[in-house]
Amino acid sequence: MKNVRKNSLGSSFDSFLEEEGIYEEVTLSAAKRVLAMQIEREMKKQDMSKAAMAHKMRTSRSALDRLLDPENTSITLQTLDKAAKSLGRRVKISLA
């Protein structure tokens, strides 16, 4: 049997991230990646090009590229709402 440190029993990945002081950053980045993937998936499902999506959102292609960039976490709720509405969807947000 492997030697397991007593203080590591029951620890979680979340606890590790908190100990490292990066929990919020990692959580926000992961949420943004998921949102970007969902938007891209829906665009493909609807066979919508980036140019068409930007036009429906009444924004620039570069603004859409920022929205779809999983590394860019500085996206407003208004931008997310415009993207969702352009795809016939809506944004749901909750506090946890």
Protein backbone atom coordinates (compact mmCIF):
# COMPACT_ATOMS: atom_id res chain seq x y z
CA MET A 1 0.00 0.00 0.00
CA LYS A 2 1.26 3.46 -0.88
CA ASN A 3 2.38 5.73 1.90
CA VAL A 4 -0.23 8.52 2.15
CA ARG A 5 0.37 11.63 4.22
CA LYS A 6 -2.22 12.11 6.91
CA ASN A 7 -2.99 15.73 5.92
CA SER A 8 -3.59 14.84 2.26
CA LEU A 9 -6.48 12.49 3.02
CA GLY A 10 -9.74 14.01 1.91
CA SER A 11 -8.13 16.99 0.23
CA SER A 12 -9.68 18.14 -3.02
CA PHE A 13 -8.55 19.91 -6.12
CA ASP A 14 -10.54 22.96 -5.02
CA SER A 15 -8.66 22.96 -1.72
CA PHE A 16 -5.37 22.78 -3.58
CA LEU A 17 -6.32 25.74 -5.77
CA GLU A 18 -7.40 27.71 -2.70
CA GLU A 19 -4.11 26.93 -0.95
CA GLU A 20 -2.24 28.16 -4.02
CA GLY A 21 -4.36 31.34 -4.07
CA ILE A 22 -5.62 30.75 -7.61
CA TYR A 23 -9.08 29.26 -7.06
CA GLU A 24 -11.06 32.27 -8.36
CA GLU A 25 -8.79 32.78 -11.37
CA VAL A 26 -8.97 29.12 -12.39
CA THR A 27 -12.72 28.91 -11.81
CA LEU A 28 -13.43 32.02 -13.90
CA SER A 29 -11.14 30.82 -16.67
CA ALA A 30 -12.86 27.43 -16.73
CA ALA A 31 -16.31 29.05 -16.85
CA LYS A 32 -15.23 31.28 -19.75
CA ARG A 33 -13.85 28.27 -21.65
CA VAL A 34 -17.17 26.47 -21.22
CA LEU A 35 -19.17 29.49 -22.39
CA ALA A 36 -16.94 30.00 -25.42
CA MET A 37 -17.26 26.31 -26.33
CA GLN A 38 -21.05 26.42 -25.93
CA ILE A 39 -21.34 29.47 -28.17
CA GLU A 40 -19.08 27.97 -30.84
CA ARG A 41 -20.96 24.65 -30.67
CA GLU A 42 -24.30 26.42 -31.15
CA MET A 43 -22.90 28.47 -34.03
CA LYS A 44 -21.78 25.25 -35.76
CA LYS A 45 -25.12 23.60 -35.04
CA GLN A 46 -26.87 26.52 -36.74
CA ASP A 47 -24.22 26.65 -39.49
CA MET A 48 -23.52 30.29 -38.61
CA SER A 49 -20.24 31.89 -39.65
CA LYS A 50 -18.35 34.30 -37.43
CA ALA A 51 -19.19 37.12 -39.82
CA ALA A 52 -22.91 36.30 -39.65
CA MET A 53 -22.79 35.99 -35.88
CA ALA A 54 -21.01 39.33 -35.49
CA HIS A 55 -23.60 40.92 -37.78
CA LYS A 56 -26.51 39.48 -35.75
CA MET A 57 -24.86 40.71 -32.55
CA ARG A 58 -24.34 44.14 -34.15
CA THR A 59 -20.67 44.03 -33.22
CA SER A 60 -17.31 43.62 -34.91
CA ARG A 61 -15.68 40.35 -35.84
CA SER A 62 -12.81 41.19 -33.48
CA ALA A 63 -15.27 41.62 -30.59
CA LEU A 64 -16.71 38.20 -31.39
CA ASP A 65 -13.20 36.74 -31.52
CA ARG A 66 -12.60 38.12 -27.99
CA LEU A 67 -15.83 36.50 -26.84
CA LEU A 68 -14.78 33.15 -28.31
CA ASP A 69 -11.22 33.40 -26.97
CA PRO A 70 -11.13 31.08 -23.94
CA GLU A 71 -8.22 33.06 -22.45
CA ASN A 72 -10.07 36.39 -22.50
CA THR A 73 -12.12 36.58 -19.30
CA SER A 74 -13.06 40.26 -19.59
CA ILE A 75 -16.43 39.74 -21.25
CA THR A 76 -19.51 41.63 -20.10
CA LEU A 77 -22.88 40.11 -19.33
CA GLN A 78 -24.32 42.34 -22.04
CA THR A 79 -22.02 40.76 -24.63
CA LEU A 80 -22.93 37.26 -23.45
CA ASP A 81 -26.61 38.18 -23.64
CA LYS A 82 -26.25 39.53 -27.19
CA ALA A 83 -24.49 36.34 -28.26
CA ALA A 84 -27.13 34.14 -26.68
CA LYS A 85 -30.00 36.09 -28.22
CA SER A 86 -28.30 36.00 -31.63
CA LEU A 87 -28.40 32.21 -31.35
CA GLY A 88 -31.99 32.12 -30.07
CA ARG A 89 -30.78 31.19 -26.60
CA ARG A 90 -30.57 32.91 -23.22
CA VAL A 91 -27.96 33.22 -20.47
CA LYS A 92 -28.66 31.75 -17.02
CA ILE A 93 -26.50 32.89 -14.11
CA SER A 94 -26.72 31.93 -10.47
CA LEU A 95 -24.80 32.50 -7.29
CA ALA A 96 -23.35 29.42 -5.66
